Amino acid sequence: MSAAGHYVLPALIFKRKRIKLDLMPGAPPESVMYVSDNGYRHEKNWPVRNTGRNNMQLQTAGLIGTVYYKGATIDRALKAFQMFGIMPVNTGVFTQVDCAPSTVIDIAINKEAALSAT
């Protein structure tokens, strides 16, 4: 969901050379389809755990369409905006500590200072 409260439609990326519209049945309307040589899958063990599921590409858009509509509800959006203090505005959701710089930055600065001092 965007900060304006609009749900962003999914972009489906398939591992293949050419676009095949037969892969899109069941996808949310106005979803976008892309193809890629590697499919941008970061999980190498996915085929091993899903053995026996042939033609998974043909089912992907329908599966995404099913879960997209269950997850993209007004109720969830309102709860998310309330949780992060966006609507209604709640300045007490985050404290100064939440907005403080990371201690990793302090470590890096201290190392640079120590190196320059020698």
PDB file of N, CA and C in Angstrom:
ATOM      1  N   MET A   1       0.842  -1.163   0.000  1.00  0.00           N
ATOM      2  CA  MET A   1       0.000   0.000   0.000  1.00  0.00           C
ATOM      3  C   MET A   1       0.893   1.233   0.000  1.00  0.00           C
ATOM      4  N   SER A   2       0.489   2.233  -0.751  1.00  0.00           N
ATOM      5  CA  SER A   2       1.253   3.475  -0.786  1.00  0.00           C
ATOM      6  C   SER A   2       0.889   4.346   0.416  1.00  0.00           C
ATOM      7  N   ALA A   3       1.664   5.391   0.621  1.00  0.00           N
ATOM      8  CA  ALA A   3       1.398   6.301   1.736  1.00  0.00           C
ATOM      9  C   ALA A   3       0.066   7.026   1.562  1.00  0.00           C
ATOM     10  N   ALA A   4      -0.421   7.103   0.335  1.00  0.00           N
ATOM     11  CA  ALA A   4      -1.703   7.758   0.073  1.00  0.00           C
ATOM     12  C   ALA A   4      -2.880   6.815   0.300  1.00  0.00           C
ATOM     13  N   GLY A   5      -2.606   5.561   0.636  1.00  0.00           N
ATOM     14  CA  GLY A   5      -3.665   4.610   0.903  1.00  0.00           C
ATOM     15  C   GLY A   5      -4.101   3.800  -0.297  1.00  0.00           C
ATOM     16  N   HIS A   6      -3.319   3.843  -1.363  1.00  0.00           N
ATOM     17  CA  HIS A   6      -3.654   3.078  -2.562  1.00  0.00           C
ATOM     18  C   HIS A   6      -2.887   1.762  -2.555  1.00  0.00           C
ATOM     19  N   TYR A   7      -3.590   0.700  -2.894  1.00  0.00           N
ATOM     20  CA  TYR A   7      -2.914  -0.584  -2.991  1.00  0.00           C
ATOM     21  C   TYR A   7      -2.177  -0.662  -4.322  1.00  0.00           C
ATOM     22  N   VAL A   8      -0.948  -1.094  -4.270  1.00  0.00           N
ATOM     23  CA  VAL A   8      -0.126  -1.237  -5.463  1.00  0.00           C
ATOM     24  C   VAL A   8      -0.374  -2.628  -6.023  1.00  0.00           C
ATOM     25  N   LEU A   9      -0.731  -2.687  -7.278  1.00  0.00           N
ATOM     26  CA  LEU A   9      -1.000  -3.982  -7.903  1.00  0.00           C
ATOM     27  C   LEU A   9       0.305  -4.747  -8.106  1.00  0.00           C
ATOM     28  N   PRO A  10       0.240  -6.063  -8.063  1.00  0.00           N
ATOM     29  CA  PRO A  10       1.457  -6.864  -8.195  1.00  0.00           C
ATOM     30  C   PRO A  10       2.049  -6.807  -9.593  1.00  0.00           C
ATOM     31  N   ALA A  11       3.363  -6.905  -9.644  1.00  0.00           N
ATOM     32  CA  ALA A  11       4.101  -7.097 -10.890  1.00  0.00           C
ATOM     33  C   ALA A  11       4.611  -8.533 -10.842  1.00  0.00           C
ATOM     34  N   LEU A  12       4.192  -9.339 -11.777  1.00  0.00           N
ATOM     35  CA  LEU A  12       4.576 -10.755 -11.807  1.00  0.00           C
ATOM     36  C   LEU A  12       5.765 -10.922 -12.730  1.00  0.00           C
ATOM     37  N   ILE A  13       6.849 -11.507 -12.206  1.00  0.00           N
ATOM     38  CA  ILE A  13       8.067 -11.713 -12.983  1.00  0.00           C
ATOM     39  C   ILE A  13       8.236 -13.206 -13.206  1.00  0.00           C
ATOM     40  N   PHE A  14       8.233 -13.614 -14.463  1.00  0.00           N
ATOM     41  CA  PHE A  14       8.357 -15.026 -14.813  1.00  0.00           C
ATOM     42  C   PHE A  14       9.708 -15.293 -15.439  1.00  0.00           C
ATOM     43  N   LYS A  15      10.264 -16.450 -15.120  1.00  0.00           N
ATOM     44  CA  LYS A  15      11.534 -16.869 -15.688  1.00  0.00           C
ATOM     45  C   LYS A  15      11.260 -17.470 -17.062  1.00  0.00           C
ATOM     46  N   ARG A  16      11.508 -16.671 -18.083  1.00  0.00           N
ATOM     47  CA  ARG A  16      11.300 -17.119 -19.454  1.00  0.00           C
ATOM     48  C   ARG A  16      11.841 -16.053 -20.405  1.00  0.00           C
ATOM     49  N   LYS A  17      11.839 -16.333 -21.675  1.00  0.00           N
ATOM     50  CA  LYS A  17      12.362 -15.396 -22.667  1.00  0.00           C
ATOM     51  C   LYS A  17      11.286 -14.479 -23.240  1.00  0.00           C
ATOM     52  N   ARG A  18      10.058 -14.998 -23.411  1.00  0.00           N
ATOM     53  CA  ARG A  18       8.990 -14.222 -24.036  1.00  0.00           C
ATOM     54  C   ARG A  18       7.745 -14.174 -23.154  1.00  0.00           C
ATOM     55  N   ILE A  19       7.012 -13.080 -23.280  1.00  0.00           N
ATOM     56  CA  ILE A  19       5.758 -12.935 -22.536  1.00  0.00           C
ATOM     57  C   ILE A  19       4.729 -13.916 -23.087  1.00  0.00           C
ATOM     58  N   LYS A  20       4.056 -14.598 -22.180  1.00  0.00           N
ATOM     59  CA  LYS A  20       2.991 -15.527 -22.542  1.00  0.00           C
ATOM     60  C   LYS A  20       1.780 -15.164 -21.690  1.00  0.00           C
ATOM     61  N   LEU A  21       0.787 -14.553 -22.308  1.00  0.00           N
ATOM     62  CA  LEU A  21      -0.378 -14.074 -21.562  1.00  0.00           C
ATOM     63  C   LEU A  21      -1.184 -15.202 -20.934  1.00  0.00           C
ATOM     64  N   ASP A  22      -0.951 -16.441 -21.370  1.00  0.00           N
ATOM     65  CA  ASP A  22      -1.628 -17.594 -20.759  1.00  0.00           C
ATOM     66  C   ASP A  22      -1.246 -17.762 -19.298  1.00  0.00           C
ATOM     67  N   LEU A  23      -0.203 -17.079 -18.842  1.00  0.00           N
ATOM     68  CA  LEU A  23       0.251 -17.187 -17.453  1.00  0.00           C
ATOM     69  C   LEU A  23      -0.509 -16.237 -16.519  1.00  0.00           C
ATOM     70  N   MET A  24      -1.341 -15.356 -17.060  1.00  0.00           N
ATOM     71  CA  MET A  24      -1.971 -14.314 -16.251  1.00  0.00           C
ATOM     72  C   MET A  24      -3.397 -14.578 -15.775  1.00  0.00           C
ATOM     73  N   PRO A  25      -4.084 -15.659 -16.146  1.00  0.00           N
ATOM     74  CA  PRO A  25      -5.446 -15.840 -15.633  1.00  0.00           C
ATOM     75  C   PRO A  25      -5.485 -15.884 -14.107  1.00  0.00           C
ATOM     76  N   GLY A  26      -6.440 -15.155 -13.547  1.00  0.00           N
ATOM     77  CA  GLY A  26      -6.608 -15.130 -12.097  1.00  0.00           C
ATOM     78  C   GLY A  26      -5.839 -14.027 -11.412  1.00  0.00           C
ATOM     79  N   ALA A  27      -4.958 -13.334 -12.145  1.00  0.00           N
ATOM     80  CA  ALA A  27      -4.205 -12.230 -11.543  1.00  0.00           C
ATOM     81  C   ALA A  27      -5.145 -11.051 -11.303  1.00  0.00           C
ATOM     82  N   PRO A  28      -4.855 -10.204 -10.302  1.00  0.00           N
ATOM     83  CA  PRO A  28      -5.683  -9.015 -10.106  1.00  0.00           C
ATOM     84  C   PRO A  28      -5.695  -8.165 -11.376  1.00  0.00           C
ATOM     85  N   PRO A  29      -6.814  -7.520 -11.685  1.00  0.00           N
ATOM     86  CA  PRO A  29      -6.875  -6.670 -12.874  1.00  0.00           C
ATOM     87  C   PRO A  29      -5.780  -5.614 -12.857  1.00  0.00           C
ATOM     88  N   GLU A  30      -5.248  -5.321 -14.004  1.00  0.00           N
ATOM     89  CA  GLU A  30      -4.198  -4.325 -14.201  1.00  0.00           C
ATOM     90  C   GLU A  30      -2.856  -4.744 -13.610  1.00  0.00           C
ATOM     91  N   SER A  31      -2.691  -6.010 -13.260  1.00  0.00           N
ATOM     92  CA  SER A  31      -1.375  -6.488 -12.842  1.00  0.00           C
ATOM     93  C   SER A  31      -0.443  -6.407 -14.037  1.00  0.00           C
ATOM     94  N   VAL A  32       0.836  -6.306 -13.765  1.00  0.00           N
ATOM     95  CA  VAL A  32       1.829  -6.180 -14.822  1.00  0.00           C
ATOM     96  C   VAL A  32       2.631  -7.465 -14.891  1.00  0.00           C
ATOM     97  N   MET A  33       2.963  -7.892 -16.112  1.00  0.00           N
ATOM     98  CA  MET A  33       3.761  -9.103 -16.299  1.00  0.00           C
ATOM     99  C   MET A  33       5.108  -8.727 -16.903  1.00  0.00           C
ATOM    100  N   TYR A  34       6.162  -9.284 -16.323  1.00  0.00           N
ATOM    101  CA  TYR A  34       7.509  -9.121 -16.846  1.00  0.00           C
ATOM    102  C   TYR A  34       8.123 -10.504 -17.018  1.00  0.00           C
ATOM    103  N   VAL A  35       9.108 -10.590 -17.899  1.00  0.00           N
ATOM    104  CA  VAL A  35       9.866 -11.827 -18.038  1.00  0.00           C
ATOM    105  C   VAL A  35      11.330 -11.514 -17.767  1.00  0.00           C
ATOM    106  N   SER A  36      12.048 -12.530 -17.319  1.00  0.00           N
ATOM    107  CA  SER A  36      13.444 -12.355 -16.939  1.00  0.00           C
ATOM    108  C   SER A  36      14.193 -13.655 -17.153  1.00  0.00           C
ATOM    109  N   ASP A  37      15.464 -13.545 -17.487  1.00  0.00           N
ATOM    110  CA  ASP A  37      16.279 -14.756 -17.671  1.00  0.00           C
ATOM    111  C   ASP A  37      16.389 -15.572 -16.391  1.00  0.00           C
ATOM    112  N   ASN A  38      16.434 -14.890 -15.237  1.00  0.00           N
ATOM    113  CA  ASN A  38      16.591 -15.628 -13.977  1.00  0.00           C
ATOM    114  C   ASN A  38      15.331 -15.611 -13.123  1.00  0.00           C
ATOM    115  N   GLY A  39      14.316 -14.846 -13.483  1.00  0.00           N
ATOM    116  CA  GLY A  39      13.076 -14.804 -12.729  1.00  0.00           C
ATOM    117  C   GLY A  39      13.201 -14.094 -11.397  1.00  0.00           C
ATOM    118  N   TYR A  40      14.384 -13.567 -11.093  1.00  0.00           N
ATOM    119  CA  TYR A  40      14.637 -12.870  -9.830  1.00  0.00           C
ATOM    120  C   TYR A  40      14.245 -13.680  -8.624  1.00  0.00           C
ATOM    121  N   ARG A  41      14.411 -14.981  -8.703  1.00  0.00           N
ATOM    122  CA  ARG A  41      14.135 -15.820  -7.533  1.00  0.00           C
ATOM    123  C   ARG A  41      15.393 -15.862  -6.685  1.00  0.00           C
ATOM    124  N   HIS A  42      15.239 -15.504  -5.438  1.00  0.00           N
ATOM    125  CA  HIS A  42      16.376 -15.490  -4.526  1.00  0.00           C
ATOM    126  C   HIS A  42      16.472 -16.773  -3.715  1.00  0.00           C
ATOM    127  N   GLU A  43      15.482 -17.591  -3.809  1.00  0.00           N
ATOM    128  CA  GLU A  43      15.429 -18.799  -3.001  1.00  0.00           C
ATOM    129  C   GLU A  43      15.791 -19.997  -3.873  1.00  0.00           C
ATOM    130  N   LYS A  44      17.007 -20.504  -3.719  1.00  0.00           N
ATOM    131  CA  LYS A  44      17.495 -21.579  -4.588  1.00  0.00           C
ATOM    132  C   LYS A  44      16.840 -22.923  -4.297  1.00  0.00           C
ATOM    133  N   ASN A  45      16.366 -23.142  -3.086  1.00  0.00           N
ATOM    134  CA  ASN A  45      15.795 -24.449  -2.727  1.00  0.00           C
ATOM    135  C   ASN A  45      14.316 -24.560  -3.050  1.00  0.00           C
ATOM    136  N   TRP A  46      13.704 -23.538  -3.640  1.00  0.00           N
ATOM    137  CA  TRP A  46      12.272 -23.575  -3.910  1.00  0.00           C
ATOM    138  C   TRP A  46      11.873 -24.791  -4.742  1.00  0.00           C
ATOM    139  N   PRO A  47      12.572 -25.117  -5.838  1.00  0.00           N
ATOM    140  CA  PRO A  47      12.157 -26.289  -6.624  1.00  0.00           C
ATOM    141  C   PRO A  47      12.274 -27.593  -5.842  1.00  0.00           C
ATOM    142  N   VAL A  48      13.248 -27.689  -4.950  1.00  0.00           N
ATOM    143  CA  VAL A  48      13.442 -28.917  -4.176  1.00  0.00           C
ATOM    144  C   VAL A  48      12.267 -29.145  -3.234  1.00  0.00           C
ATOM    145  N   ARG A  49      11.823 -28.091  -2.546  1.00  0.00           N
ATOM    146  CA  ARG A  49      10.727 -28.225  -1.590  1.00  0.00           C
ATOM    147  C   ARG A  49       9.366 -28.362  -2.265  1.00  0.00           C
ATOM    148  N   ASN A  50       9.277 -28.004  -3.518  1.00  0.00           N
ATOM    149  CA  ASN A  50       8.000 -28.060  -4.211  1.00  0.00           C
ATOM    150  C   ASN A  50       8.036 -29.080  -5.346  1.00  0.00           C
ATOM    151  N   THR A  51       8.672 -30.189  -5.107  1.00  0.00           N
ATOM    152  CA  THR A  51       8.780 -31.250  -6.094  1.00  0.00           C
ATOM    153  C   THR A  51       7.394 -31.769  -6.462  1.00  0.00           C
ATOM    154  N   GLY A  52       7.201 -32.065  -7.731  1.00  0.00           N
ATOM    155  CA  GLY A  52       5.926 -32.603  -8.181  1.00  0.00           C
ATOM    156  C   GLY A  52       4.922 -31.552  -8.581  1.00  0.00           C
ATOM    157  N   ARG A  53       5.269 -30.303  -8.479  1.00  0.00           N
ATOM    158  CA  ARG A  53       4.357 -29.228  -8.874  1.00  0.00           C
ATOM    159  C   ARG A  53       4.751 -28.736 -10.263  1.00  0.00           C
ATOM    160  N   ASN A  54       4.345 -29.455 -11.267  1.00  0.00           N
ATOM    161  CA  ASN A  54       4.643 -29.076 -12.640  1.00  0.00           C
ATOM    162  C   ASN A  54       3.794 -27.889 -13.059  1.00  0.00           C
ATOM    163  N   ASN A  55       4.305 -27.162 -14.016  1.00  0.00           N
ATOM    164  CA  ASN A  55       3.589 -26.007 -14.561  1.00  0.00           C
ATOM    165  C   ASN A  55       3.197 -24.995 -13.486  1.00  0.00           C
ATOM    166  N   MET A  56       4.063 -24.781 -12.522  1.00  0.00           N
ATOM    167  CA  MET A  56       3.768 -23.825 -11.453  1.00  0.00           C
ATOM    168  C   MET A  56       3.546 -22.423 -12.018  1.00  0.00           C
ATOM    169  N   GLN A  57       4.213 -22.097 -13.129  1.00  0.00           N
ATOM    170  CA  GLN A  57       4.022 -20.779 -13.718  1.00  0.00           C
ATOM    171  C   GLN A  57       2.574 -20.561 -14.127  1.00  0.00           C
ATOM    172  N   LEU A  58       1.899 -21.623 -14.551  1.00  0.00           N
ATOM    173  CA  LEU A  58       0.509 -21.493 -14.975  1.00  0.00           C
ATOM    174  C   LEU A  58      -0.426 -21.213 -13.800  1.00  0.00           C
ATOM    175  N   GLN A  59       0.001 -21.516 -12.582  1.00  0.00           N
ATOM    176  CA  GLN A  59      -0.832 -21.333 -11.400  1.00  0.00           C
ATOM    177  C   GLN A  59      -0.489 -20.067 -10.614  1.00  0.00           C
ATOM    178  N   THR A  60       0.657 -19.467 -10.897  1.00  0.00           N
ATOM    179  CA  THR A  60       1.172 -18.356 -10.099  1.00  0.00           C
ATOM    180  C   THR A  60       0.207 -17.175 -10.038  1.00  0.00           C
ATOM    181  N   ALA A  61      -0.266 -16.693 -11.176  1.00  0.00           N
ATOM    182  CA  ALA A  61      -1.128 -15.508 -11.192  1.00  0.00           C
ATOM    183  C   ALA A  61      -2.416 -15.750 -10.405  1.00  0.00           C
ATOM    184  N   GLY A  62      -2.998 -16.934 -10.543  1.00  0.00           N
ATOM    185  CA  GLY A  62      -4.225 -17.249  -9.805  1.00  0.00           C
ATOM    186  C   GLY A  62      -3.992 -17.286  -8.307  1.00  0.00           C
ATOM    187  N   LEU A  63      -2.858 -17.834  -7.883  1.00  0.00           N
ATOM    188  CA  LEU A  63      -2.535 -17.866  -6.450  1.00  0.00           C
ATOM    189  C   LEU A  63      -2.347 -16.464  -5.898  1.00  0.00           C
ATOM    190  N   ILE A  64      -1.635 -15.627  -6.638  1.00  0.00           N
ATOM    191  CA  ILE A  64      -1.418 -14.250  -6.194  1.00  0.00           C
ATOM    192  C   ILE A  64      -2.739 -13.493  -6.146  1.00  0.00           C
ATOM    193  N   GLY A  65      -3.585 -13.717  -7.153  1.00  0.00           N
ATOM    194  CA  GLY A  65      -4.893 -13.066  -7.161  1.00  0.00           C
ATOM    195  C   GLY A  65      -5.717 -13.432  -5.945  1.00  0.00           C
ATOM    196  N   THR A  66      -5.667 -14.688  -5.545  1.00  0.00           N
ATOM    197  CA  THR A  66      -6.428 -15.144  -4.372  1.00  0.00           C
ATOM    198  C   THR A  66      -5.948 -14.465  -3.093  1.00  0.00           C
ATOM    199  N   VAL A  67      -4.656 -14.463  -2.850  1.00  0.00           N
ATOM    200  CA  VAL A  67      -4.149 -13.891  -1.598  1.00  0.00           C
ATOM    201  C   VAL A  67      -4.147 -12.368  -1.622  1.00  0.00           C
ATOM    202  N   TYR A  68      -4.008 -11.769  -2.797  1.00  0.00           N
ATOM    203  CA  TYR A  68      -4.002 -10.312  -2.890  1.00  0.00           C
ATOM    204  C   TYR A  68      -5.325  -9.740  -2.371  1.00  0.00           C
ATOM    205  N   TYR A  69      -6.425 -10.311  -2.811  1.00  0.00           N
ATOM    206  CA  TYR A  69      -7.725  -9.789  -2.395  1.00  0.00           C
ATOM    207  C   TYR A  69      -8.020 -10.074  -0.931  1.00  0.00           C
ATOM    208  N   LYS A  70      -7.452 -11.123  -0.371  1.00  0.00           N
ATOM    209  CA  LYS A  70      -7.654 -11.389   1.060  1.00  0.00           C
ATOM    210  C   LYS A  70      -6.834 -10.422   1.905  1.00  0.00           C
ATOM    211  N   GLY A  71      -5.671 -10.041   1.407  1.00  0.00           N
ATOM    212  CA  GLY A  71      -4.793  -9.174   2.185  1.00  0.00           C
ATOM    213  C   GLY A  71      -5.055  -7.701   1.998  1.00  0.00           C
ATOM    214  N   ALA A  72      -5.519  -7.315   0.832  1.00  0.00           N
ATOM    215  CA  ALA A  72      -5.715  -5.901   0.516  1.00  0.00           C
ATOM    216  C   ALA A  72      -7.123  -5.462   0.916  1.00  0.00           C
ATOM    217  N   THR A  73      -7.313  -5.269   2.217  1.00  0.00           N
ATOM    218  CA  THR A  73      -8.632  -4.855   2.698  1.00  0.00           C
ATOM    219  C   THR A  73      -8.541  -3.486   3.370  1.00  0.00           C
ATOM    220  N   ILE A  74      -9.647  -2.789   3.396  1.00  0.00           N
ATOM    221  CA  ILE A  74      -9.706  -1.484   4.043  1.00  0.00           C
ATOM    222  C   ILE A  74      -9.389  -1.612   5.530  1.00  0.00           C
ATOM    223  N   ASP A  75      -9.891  -2.663   6.163  1.00  0.00           N
ATOM    224  CA  ASP A  75      -9.653  -2.880   7.589  1.00  0.00           C
ATOM    225  C   ASP A  75      -8.157  -2.996   7.884  1.00  0.00           C
ATOM    226  N   ARG A  76      -7.449  -3.772   7.073  1.00  0.00           N
ATOM    227  CA  ARG A  76      -5.992  -3.908   7.273  1.00  0.00           C
ATOM    228  C   ARG A  76      -5.280  -2.579   7.057  1.00  0.00           C
ATOM    229  N   ALA A  77      -5.721  -1.831   6.068  1.00  0.00           N
ATOM    230  CA  ALA A  77      -5.100  -0.541   5.793  1.00  0.00           C
ATOM    231  C   ALA A  77      -5.278   0.410   6.973  1.00  0.00           C
ATOM    232  N   LEU A  78      -6.476   0.490   7.494  1.00  0.00           N
ATOM    233  CA  LEU A  78      -6.735   1.381   8.630  1.00  0.00           C
ATOM    234  C   LEU A  78      -5.919   0.979   9.854  1.00  0.00           C
ATOM    235  N   LYS A  79      -5.839  -0.323  10.118  1.00  0.00           N
ATOM    236  CA  LYS A  79      -5.050  -0.789  11.263  1.00  0.00           C
ATOM    237  C   LYS A  79      -3.569  -0.458  11.082  1.00  0.00           C
ATOM    238  N   ALA A  80      -3.066  -0.598   9.858  1.00  0.00           N
ATOM    239  CA  ALA A  80      -1.656  -0.280   9.602  1.00  0.00           C
ATOM    240  C   ALA A  80      -1.394   1.208   9.796  1.00  0.00           C
ATOM    241  N   PHE A  81      -2.292   2.057   9.301  1.00  0.00           N
ATOM    242  CA  PHE A  81      -2.120   3.501   9.480  1.00  0.00           C
ATOM    243  C   PHE A  81      -2.186   3.878  10.948  1.00  0.00           C
ATOM    244  N   GLN A  82      -3.065   3.244  11.719  1.00  0.00           N
ATOM    245  CA  GLN A  82      -3.156   3.524  13.159  1.00  0.00           C
ATOM    246  C   GLN A  82      -1.893   3.053  13.871  1.00  0.00           C
ATOM    247  N   MET A  83      -1.413   1.867  13.522  1.00  0.00           N
ATOM    248  CA  MET A  83      -0.258   1.278  14.201  1.00  0.00           C
ATOM    249  C   MET A  83       0.979   2.171  14.064  1.00  0.00           C
ATOM    250  N   PHE A  84       1.130   2.809  12.907  1.00  0.00           N
ATOM    251  CA  PHE A  84       2.305   3.638  12.685  1.00  0.00           C
ATOM    252  C   PHE A  84       2.048   5.114  12.934  1.00  0.00           C
ATOM    253  N   GLY A  85       0.879   5.437  13.507  1.00  0.00           N
ATOM    254  CA  GLY A  85       0.594   6.805  13.902  1.00  0.00           C
ATOM    255  C   GLY A  85       0.337   7.751  12.740  1.00  0.00           C
ATOM    256  N   ILE A  86      -0.029   7.222  11.580  1.00  0.00           N
ATOM    257  CA  ILE A  86      -0.260   8.069  10.415  1.00  0.00           C
ATOM    258  C   ILE A  86      -1.652   8.682  10.444  1.00  0.00           C
ATOM    259  N   MET A  87      -2.659   7.862  10.735  1.00  0.00           N
ATOM    260  CA  MET A  87      -4.040   8.340  10.728  1.00  0.00           C
ATOM    261  C   MET A  87      -4.823   7.596  11.777  1.00  0.00           C
ATOM    262  N   PRO A  88      -5.364   8.177  12.794  1.00  0.00           N
ATOM    263  CA  PRO A  88      -5.152   9.576  13.139  1.00  0.00           C
ATOM    264  C   PRO A  88      -3.709   9.804  13.585  1.00  0.00           C
ATOM    265  N   VAL A  89      -3.239  11.027  13.412  1.00  0.00           N
ATOM    266  CA  VAL A  89      -1.846  11.346  13.735  1.00  0.00           C
ATOM    267  C   VAL A  89      -1.592  11.089  15.211  1.00  0.00           C
ATOM    268  N   ASN A  90      -0.543  10.326  15.487  1.00  0.00           N
ATOM    269  CA  ASN A  90      -0.160  10.016  16.856  1.00  0.00           C
ATOM    270  C   ASN A  90       1.348  10.211  16.962  1.00  0.00           C
ATOM    271  N   THR A  91       1.765  11.356  17.466  1.00  0.00           N
ATOM    272  CA  THR A  91       3.193  11.661  17.558  1.00  0.00           C
ATOM    273  C   THR A  91       3.898  10.844  18.632  1.00  0.00           C
ATOM    274  N   GLY A  92       3.149  10.120  19.457  1.00  0.00           N
ATOM    275  CA  GLY A  92       3.758   9.325  20.512  1.00  0.00           C
ATOM    276  C   GLY A  92       4.127   7.909  20.084  1.00  0.00           C
ATOM    277  N   VAL A  93       3.872   7.547  18.836  1.00  0.00           N
ATOM    278  CA  VAL A  93       4.175   6.184  18.379  1.00  0.00           C
ATOM    279  C   VAL A  93       5.680   5.946  18.370  1.00  0.00           C
ATOM    280  N   PHE A  94       6.440   6.929  17.913  1.00  0.00           N
ATOM    281  CA  PHE A  94       7.893   6.785  17.860  1.00  0.00           C
ATOM    282  C   PHE A  94       8.526   7.773  18.827  1.00  0.00           C
ATOM    283  N   THR A  95       9.556   7.324  19.512  1.00  0.00           N
ATOM    284  CA  THR A  95      10.279   8.185  20.452  1.00  0.00           C
ATOM    285  C   THR A  95      11.573   8.671  19.797  1.00  0.00           C
ATOM    286  N   GLN A  96      12.293   9.533  20.490  1.00  0.00           N
ATOM    287  CA  GLN A  96      13.578  10.014  19.976  1.00  0.00           C
ATOM    288  C   GLN A  96      14.571   8.860  19.811  1.00  0.00           C
ATOM    289  N   VAL A  97      14.479   7.878  20.679  1.00  0.00           N
ATOM    290  CA  VAL A  97      15.374   6.719  20.593  1.00  0.00           C
ATOM    291  C   VAL A  97      15.135   5.954  19.295  1.00  0.00           C
ATOM    292  N   ASP A  98      13.866   5.863  18.878  1.00  0.00           N
ATOM    293  CA  ASP A  98      13.547   5.170  17.627  1.00  0.00           C
ATOM    294  C   ASP A  98      14.161   5.870  16.424  1.00  0.00           C
ATOM    295  N   CYS A  99      14.351   7.168  16.514  1.00  0.00           N
ATOM    296  CA  CYS A  99      14.875   7.957  15.399  1.00  0.00           C
ATOM    297  C   CYS A  99      16.376   8.209  15.507  1.00  0.00           C
ATOM    298  N   ALA A 100      17.014   7.680  16.532  1.00  0.00           N
ATOM    299  CA  ALA A 100      18.450   7.893  16.738  1.00  0.00           C
ATOM    300  C   ALA A 100      19.258   7.133  15.692  1.00  0.00           C
ATOM    301  N   PRO A 101      20.442   7.622  15.358  1.00  0.00           N
ATOM    302  CA  PRO A 101      21.282   6.905  14.396  1.00  0.00           C
ATOM    303  C   PRO A 101      21.722   5.552  14.939  1.00  0.00           C
ATOM    304  N   SER A 102      22.061   4.686  14.055  1.00  0.00           N
ATOM    305  CA  SER A 102      22.484   3.339  14.423  1.00  0.00           C
ATOM    306  C   SER A 102      23.822   3.370  15.138  1.00  0.00           C
ATOM    307  N   THR A 103      24.030   2.431  16.045  1.00  0.00           N
ATOM    308  CA  THR A 103      25.324   2.338  16.724  1.00  0.00           C
ATOM    309  C   THR A 103      26.407   1.875  15.759  1.00  0.00           C
ATOM    310  N   VAL A 104      26.040   1.276  14.654  1.00  0.00           N
ATOM    311  CA  VAL A 104      27.031   0.872  13.644  1.00  0.00           C
ATOM    312  C   VAL A 104      27.756   2.100  13.124  1.00  0.00           C
ATOM    313  N   ILE A 105      27.037   3.217  12.983  1.00  0.00           N
ATOM    314  CA  ILE A 105      27.660   4.460  12.532  1.00  0.00           C
ATOM    315  C   ILE A 105      28.691   4.915  13.552  1.00  0.00           C
ATOM    316  N   ASP A 106      28.356   4.838  14.831  1.00  0.00           N
ATOM    317  CA  ASP A 106      29.288   5.245  15.882  1.00  0.00           C
ATOM    318  C   ASP A 106      30.559   4.401  15.833  1.00  0.00           C
ATOM    319  N   ILE A 107      30.415   3.119  15.633  1.00  0.00           N
ATOM    320  CA  ILE A 107      31.577   2.228  15.578  1.00  0.00           C
ATOM    321  C   ILE A 107      32.476   2.609  14.419  1.00  0.00           C
ATOM    322  N   ALA A 108      31.884   2.858  13.235  1.00  0.00           N
ATOM    323  CA  ALA A 108      32.663   3.210  12.067  1.00  0.00           C
ATOM    324  C   ALA A 108      33.378   4.545  12.282  1.00  0.00           C
ATOM    325  N   ILE A 109      32.709   5.524  12.872  1.00  0.00           N
ATOM    326  CA  ILE A 109      33.331   6.830  13.127  1.00  0.00           C
ATOM    327  C   ILE A 109      34.463   6.692  14.136  1.00  0.00           C
ATOM    328  N   ASN A 110      34.261   5.897  15.188  1.00  0.00           N
ATOM    329  CA  ASN A 110      35.303   5.700  16.188  1.00  0.00           C
ATOM    330  C   ASN A 110      36.525   5.007  15.590  1.00  0.00           C
ATOM    331  N   LYS A 111      36.334   4.060  14.690  1.00  0.00           N
ATOM    332  CA  LYS A 111      37.464   3.389  14.055  1.00  0.00           C
ATOM    333  C   LYS A 111      38.241   4.362  13.183  1.00  0.00           C
ATOM    334  N   GLU A 112      37.521   5.212  12.432  1.00  0.00           N
ATOM    335  CA  GLU A 112      38.187   6.206  11.585  1.00  0.00           C
ATOM    336  C   GLU A 112      38.977   7.187  12.441  1.00  0.00           C
ATOM    337  N   ALA A 113      38.402   7.599  13.564  1.00  0.00           N
ATOM    338  CA  ALA A 113      39.094   8.534  14.458  1.00  0.00           C
ATOM    339  C   ALA A 113      40.358   7.898  15.035  1.00  0.00           C
ATOM    340  N   ALA A 114      40.258   6.618  15.392  1.00  0.00           N
ATOM    341  CA  ALA A 114      41.419   5.921  15.947  1.00  0.00           C
ATOM    342  C   ALA A 114      42.508   5.757  14.907  1.00  0.00           C
ATOM    343  N   LEU A 115      42.143   5.486  13.678  1.00  0.00           N
ATOM    344  CA  LEU A 115      43.131   5.320  12.613  1.00  0.00           C
ATOM    345  C   LEU A 115      43.809   6.645  12.274  1.00  0.00           C
ATOM    346  N   SER A 116      43.053   7.729  12.270  1.00  0.00           N
ATOM    347  CA  SER A 116      43.630   9.022  11.949  1.00  0.00           C
ATOM    348  C   SER A 116      44.509   9.555  13.074  1.00  0.00           C
ATOM    349  N   ALA A 117      44.293   9.092  14.294  1.00  0.00           N
ATOM    350  CA  ALA A 117      45.075   9.531  15.434  1.00  0.00           C
ATOM    351  C   ALA A 117      46.450   8.869  15.478  1.00  0.00           C
ATOM    352  N   THR A 118      46.603   7.756  14.758  1.00  0.00           N
ATOM    353  CA  THR A 118      47.908   7.065  14.789  1.00  0.00           C
ATOM    354  C   THR A 118      48.836   7.522  13.731  1.00  0.00           C
TER     355      THR A 118
END
